[in-house]
C-alpha atoms as a PDB file:
ATOM      1  CA  MET A   1       9.429  10.960  -6.580  1.00  0.00           C
ATOM      2  CA  ILE A   2      10.301   7.313  -6.171  1.00  0.00           C
ATOM      3  CA  ASP A   3      13.523   6.060  -7.737  1.00  0.00           C
ATOM      4  CA  LYS A   4      12.105   3.029  -9.567  1.00  0.00           C
ATOM      5  CA  LYS A   5      15.581   1.475  -9.748  1.00  0.00           C
ATOM      6  CA  VAL A   6      15.573   1.161  -5.955  1.00  0.00           C
ATOM      7  CA  ALA A   7      11.891   0.734  -5.125  1.00  0.00           C
ATOM      8  CA  PRO A   8       9.536  -0.067  -7.997  1.00  0.00           C
ATOM      9  CA  GLN A   9       6.036   1.336  -7.651  1.00  0.00           C
ATOM     10  CA  ALA A  10       3.477  -1.076  -6.217  1.00  0.00           C
ATOM     11  CA  PRO A  11       0.440  -1.807  -8.373  1.00  0.00           C
ATOM     12  CA  ASP A  12      -2.739  -0.063  -7.301  1.00  0.00           C
ATOM     13  CA  PHE A  13      -5.155  -2.176  -5.261  1.00  0.00           C
ATOM     14  CA  THR A  14      -8.053  -1.857  -2.844  1.00  0.00           C
ATOM     15  CA  ALA A  15      -8.103  -3.490   0.601  1.00  0.00           C
ATOM     16  CA  ALA A  16     -10.183  -3.202   3.758  1.00  0.00           C
ATOM     17  CA  ASP A  17      -9.003  -1.023   6.641  1.00  0.00           C
ATOM     18  CA  SER A  18      -9.316  -2.046  10.290  1.00  0.00           C
ATOM     19  CA  GLU A  19     -13.004  -1.064  10.255  1.00  0.00           C
ATOM     20  CA  GLY A  20     -13.811  -2.916   7.028  1.00  0.00           C
ATOM     21  CA  ASN A  21     -13.969   0.185   4.813  1.00  0.00           C
ATOM     22  CA  PRO A  22     -12.373  -0.087   1.357  1.00  0.00           C
ATOM     23  CA  VAL A  23      -9.120   1.849   0.962  1.00  0.00           C
ATOM     24  CA  ARG A  24      -7.344   2.319  -2.368  1.00  0.00           C
ATOM     25  CA  LEU A  25      -3.538   2.528  -2.403  1.00  0.00           C
ATOM     26  CA  SER A  26      -3.549   5.282  -5.029  1.00  0.00           C
ATOM     27  CA  SER A  27      -5.553   7.539  -2.675  1.00  0.00           C
ATOM     28  CA  TYR A  28      -2.355   8.022  -0.627  1.00  0.00           C
ATOM     29  CA  GLU A  29      -0.112   8.902  -3.586  1.00  0.00           C
ATOM     30  CA  GLY A  30       1.769  12.123  -2.856  1.00  0.00           C
ATOM     31  CA  LYS A  31       0.149  12.470   0.575  1.00  0.00           C
ATOM     32  CA  LYS A  32       1.735   9.875   2.876  1.00  0.00           C
ATOM     33  CA  ASN A  33       4.445   7.259   2.963  1.00  0.00           C
ATOM     34  CA  VAL A  34       3.008   3.756   2.745  1.00  0.00           C
ATOM     35  CA  VAL A  35       4.645   0.563   3.986  1.00  0.00           C
ATOM     36  CA  LEU A  36       3.191  -2.676   2.645  1.00  0.00           C
ATOM     37  CA  VAL A  37       3.408  -5.762   4.835  1.00  0.00           C
ATOM     38  CA  PHE A  38       2.287  -9.100   3.457  1.00  0.00           C
ATOM     39  CA  SER A  39       1.737 -11.867   5.971  1.00  0.00           C
ATOM     40  CA  ARG A  40       0.759 -15.496   5.432  1.00  0.00           C
ATOM     41  CA  GLY A  41      -0.929 -15.649   8.816  1.00  0.00           C
ATOM     42  CA  PHE A  42      -0.060 -15.956  12.454  1.00  0.00           C
ATOM     43  CA  PHE A  43       3.243 -17.360  13.609  1.00  0.00           C
END
């Protein structure tokens, strides 16, 4: 389980994978570790 004092749970959302298929964050719950990276664009 995640210690919400250290790392609060991210809200569920859907985004496109590298092939354009929709992927829902909650589909990975309890299966894999997920790292979220938010980028404003290229450097």
